[in-house]
Structures are given as structure tokens and as C-alpha cells.
Amino acid sequence: MPLSFVSKKEMTSQIRTVFTAQCALCHGAQGQGQKSGKHYVFPPLWGADSYNWGAGMHRLPLAAGFIKANMPLGQGGSLSDQQAWDVAAFINSQPRPQDPRFMGSVEETRKKYHDDDDFYGHTLNGAVLGAPTQLTQGTPQIPKASQAPR
């Protein structure tokens, strides 16, 4: 059964609650992942060690579909479509390493490589996602529905 599309404009206020209840046990409350020794056993979902803005998982439809089918671990298919989209939006609105195709300008990189199905180049909570200094701009915050890309 395909994942139903839920508009990014319709993100619910329960995003952090779903993440905390369904994802944080493995991926950490701050999305930092969990290590055993030097190796991640549960990958970070944002931050310096997470996937970059050029990875397929930064695209909301791909991330939501993966989350719906596979998460939480061992319970794939247990989240609603809305919950999967909300978690994907929350995760992908956080700081992460630069797109390796970065052209020196977030705006130009967005125009060339990013469709309207991701947050790259959008301003959320006063920070431009994908900006070269974005990983050092403080604690990630959940986006308000009014700040979601359209």
C-alpha cells in the first residue's frame, strides 16, 4: 500500500511528541544516534555525523516512506501516514552536513538540485537550512507549520 501524501502545510503540533515516543529510544532525544564503542548501532538523524543534504533521505517523500515501512525498529507499518510525514519533516528540518554538490550558494544549490520536497535552503526558526555555518547555530528547533516549505 503506497504512503498517502500529506501536505507539508498540514504538519501537526504533535511532531516532537511522536519523535520522542517512537524514535528517541534508539536515535536519542537530540537525534544524536547511539554508539557501541566507536561505531553507531543506531545512526544519528541530524548533526555532524548524520546523512548530508544531498542524500536521498533528506527528501521528505523518501524519508516518510522509509519511516512508515521500517520504523520503529521491528514495528514497521505501525505509524500512521501522518506520523511518518511528521517524523520525516521533524528530522529533515534539523541541521546536517552540507550537500556535497554545494555550489558556494545555498540558493543556487537549491535551484539546481533540490525540488520542493525538502527543507534545503528554507529558513526555519531564523536559520537557513543548508547554510555552511548552520550546524553551529545552536539547538535545533521543531518547525512551525506556518514555516514549512510549500
Protein backbone atom coordinates (compact mmCIF):
# COMPACT_ATOMS: atom_id res chain seq x y z
CA MET A 1 0.00 0.00 0.00
CA PRO A 2 1.59 3.33 -1.01
CA LEU A 3 2.15 6.05 1.54
CA SER A 4 -0.53 8.73 1.25
CA PHE A 5 0.69 12.24 0.57
CA VAL A 6 0.14 14.65 3.44
CA SER A 7 0.90 18.28 2.66
CA LYS A 8 3.87 19.82 4.45
CA LYS A 9 1.49 22.67 5.25
CA GLU A 10 -0.52 20.23 7.36
CA MET A 11 2.23 19.24 9.80
CA THR A 12 0.71 18.65 13.21
CA SER A 13 1.81 20.16 16.51
CA GLN A 14 2.49 16.62 17.75
CA ILE A 15 5.71 16.13 15.77
CA ARG A 16 8.11 16.22 18.71
CA THR A 17 5.77 14.01 20.73
CA VAL A 18 5.79 11.33 18.02
CA PHE A 19 9.57 11.57 17.67
CA THR A 20 10.08 11.31 21.43
CA ALA A 21 7.68 8.38 21.78
CA GLN A 22 8.68 6.41 18.70
CA CYS A 23 12.26 7.33 17.74
CA ALA A 24 14.25 8.76 20.64
CA LEU A 25 14.80 5.44 22.40
CA CYS A 26 17.12 4.32 19.59
CA HIS A 27 18.17 7.56 17.89
CA GLY A 28 18.44 9.75 21.01
CA ALA A 29 16.38 12.71 22.20
CA GLN A 30 18.59 15.07 20.19
CA GLY A 31 18.82 12.77 17.15
CA GLN A 32 22.45 12.01 18.03
CA GLY A 33 22.21 8.25 17.50
CA GLN A 34 23.80 5.65 19.75
CA LYS A 35 27.23 4.12 19.60
CA SER A 36 28.80 0.92 20.79
CA GLY A 37 32.44 1.87 21.12
CA LYS A 38 33.38 3.91 18.06
CA HIS A 39 30.59 2.58 15.83
CA TYR A 40 26.98 3.69 15.56
CA VAL A 41 24.44 0.97 16.24
CA PHE A 42 21.60 3.46 15.69
CA PRO A 43 22.57 6.25 13.29
CA PRO A 44 22.29 9.94 14.10
CA LEU A 45 19.34 11.55 12.34
CA TRP A 46 20.79 15.06 12.29
CA GLY A 47 24.00 16.80 13.24
CA ALA A 48 27.56 16.50 12.00
CA ASP A 49 27.56 12.68 11.77
CA SER A 50 24.19 12.30 10.05
CA TYR A 51 23.40 11.95 6.37
CA ASN A 52 24.04 15.10 4.33
CA TRP A 53 21.67 17.37 2.41
CA GLY A 54 22.46 15.51 -0.81
CA ALA A 55 21.41 12.08 0.49
CA GLY A 56 18.10 10.66 -0.65
CA MET A 57 16.77 10.56 2.93
CA HIS A 58 16.70 14.37 3.07
CA ARG A 59 13.74 14.26 0.66
CA LEU A 60 10.50 14.13 2.63
CA PRO A 61 8.65 11.55 0.47
CA LEU A 62 11.57 9.10 0.62
CA ALA A 63 12.14 9.60 4.34
CA ALA A 64 8.41 9.32 5.15
CA GLY A 65 8.10 6.14 3.09
CA PHE A 66 11.14 4.58 4.74
CA ILE A 67 9.91 5.55 8.21
CA LYS A 68 6.41 4.22 7.51
CA ALA A 69 7.71 0.86 6.23
CA ASN A 70 10.57 0.30 8.69
CA MET A 71 10.22 2.27 11.90
CA PRO A 72 10.19 1.92 14.81
CA LEU A 73 12.67 -0.94 14.55
CA GLY A 74 10.78 -4.21 14.34
CA GLN A 75 7.43 -2.42 14.14
CA GLY A 76 7.34 -1.19 10.53
CA GLY A 77 3.88 -0.15 9.39
CA SER A 78 2.77 0.79 12.92
CA LEU A 79 2.90 4.57 12.34
CA SER A 80 0.10 6.35 10.53
CA ASP A 81 0.89 8.13 7.27
CA GLN A 82 0.61 11.47 9.11
CA GLN A 83 3.01 10.31 11.82
CA ALA A 84 5.53 9.13 9.22
CA TRP A 85 5.35 12.50 7.40
CA ASP A 86 5.60 14.40 10.70
CA VAL A 87 8.68 12.46 11.81
CA ALA A 88 10.30 12.88 8.38
CA ALA A 89 9.59 16.64 8.50
CA PHE A 90 10.98 16.94 12.01
CA ILE A 91 14.16 15.00 11.23
CA ASN A 92 14.76 16.76 7.92
CA SER A 93 14.27 20.23 9.33
CA GLN A 94 17.35 19.80 11.51
CA PRO A 95 20.99 20.73 10.82
CA ARG A 96 23.06 18.26 8.82
CA PRO A 97 26.23 18.19 6.72
CA GLN A 98 26.28 20.22 3.53
CA ASP A 99 25.16 18.83 0.19
CA PRO A 100 28.41 17.65 -1.47
CA ARG A 101 27.21 19.35 -4.67
CA PHE A 102 27.19 22.72 -2.88
CA MET A 103 27.93 25.46 -5.41
CA GLY A 104 29.02 28.18 -2.97
CA SER A 105 25.45 29.46 -2.62
CA VAL A 106 22.56 27.75 -0.84
CA GLU A 107 20.13 29.47 -3.22
CA GLU A 108 21.92 28.28 -6.36
CA THR A 109 22.36 24.77 -4.97
CA ARG A 110 18.67 24.64 -4.09
CA LYS A 111 17.64 25.79 -7.58
CA LYS A 112 19.80 23.19 -9.29
CA TYR A 113 19.45 20.13 -7.05
CA HIS A 114 16.53 20.48 -4.64
CA ASP A 115 12.86 20.17 -5.50
CA ASP A 116 10.08 21.38 -3.27
CA ASP A 117 10.06 18.12 -1.35
CA ASP A 118 12.78 19.08 1.13
CA PHE A 119 13.79 21.84 3.52
CA TYR A 120 17.18 22.70 1.97
CA GLY A 121 17.53 26.47 1.64
CA HIS A 122 14.38 27.26 3.62
CA THR A 123 14.52 29.47 6.67
CA LEU A 124 13.17 27.79 9.79
CA ASN A 125 13.46 29.34 13.23
CA GLY A 126 15.75 32.05 11.88
CA ALA A 127 18.29 29.66 10.32
CA VAL A 128 18.77 28.85 6.65
CA LEU A 129 18.88 25.09 6.41
CA GLY A 130 21.90 24.02 4.43
CA ALA A 131 23.84 27.22 5.13
CA PRO A 132 27.57 26.45 5.58
CA THR A 133 27.52 27.58 9.23
CA GLN A 134 24.15 26.05 10.03
CA LEU A 135 25.49 23.13 12.10
CA THR A 136 26.90 25.55 14.65
CA GLN A 137 23.83 27.77 15.07
CA GLY A 138 22.53 26.24 18.28
CA THR A 139 19.96 23.69 19.29
CA PRO A 140 17.63 22.51 16.54
CA GLN A 141 14.01 23.51 16.96
CA ILE A 142 10.83 21.99 15.62
CA PRO A 143 9.44 24.00 12.67
CA LYS A 144 6.04 25.63 13.00
CA ALA A 145 3.53 24.54 10.37
CA SER A 146 3.49 28.11 9.06
CA GLN A 147 7.25 27.84 8.40
CA ALA A 148 7.05 24.67 6.36
CA PRO A 149 8.04 24.92 2.72
CA ARG A 150 5.09 24.96 0.36
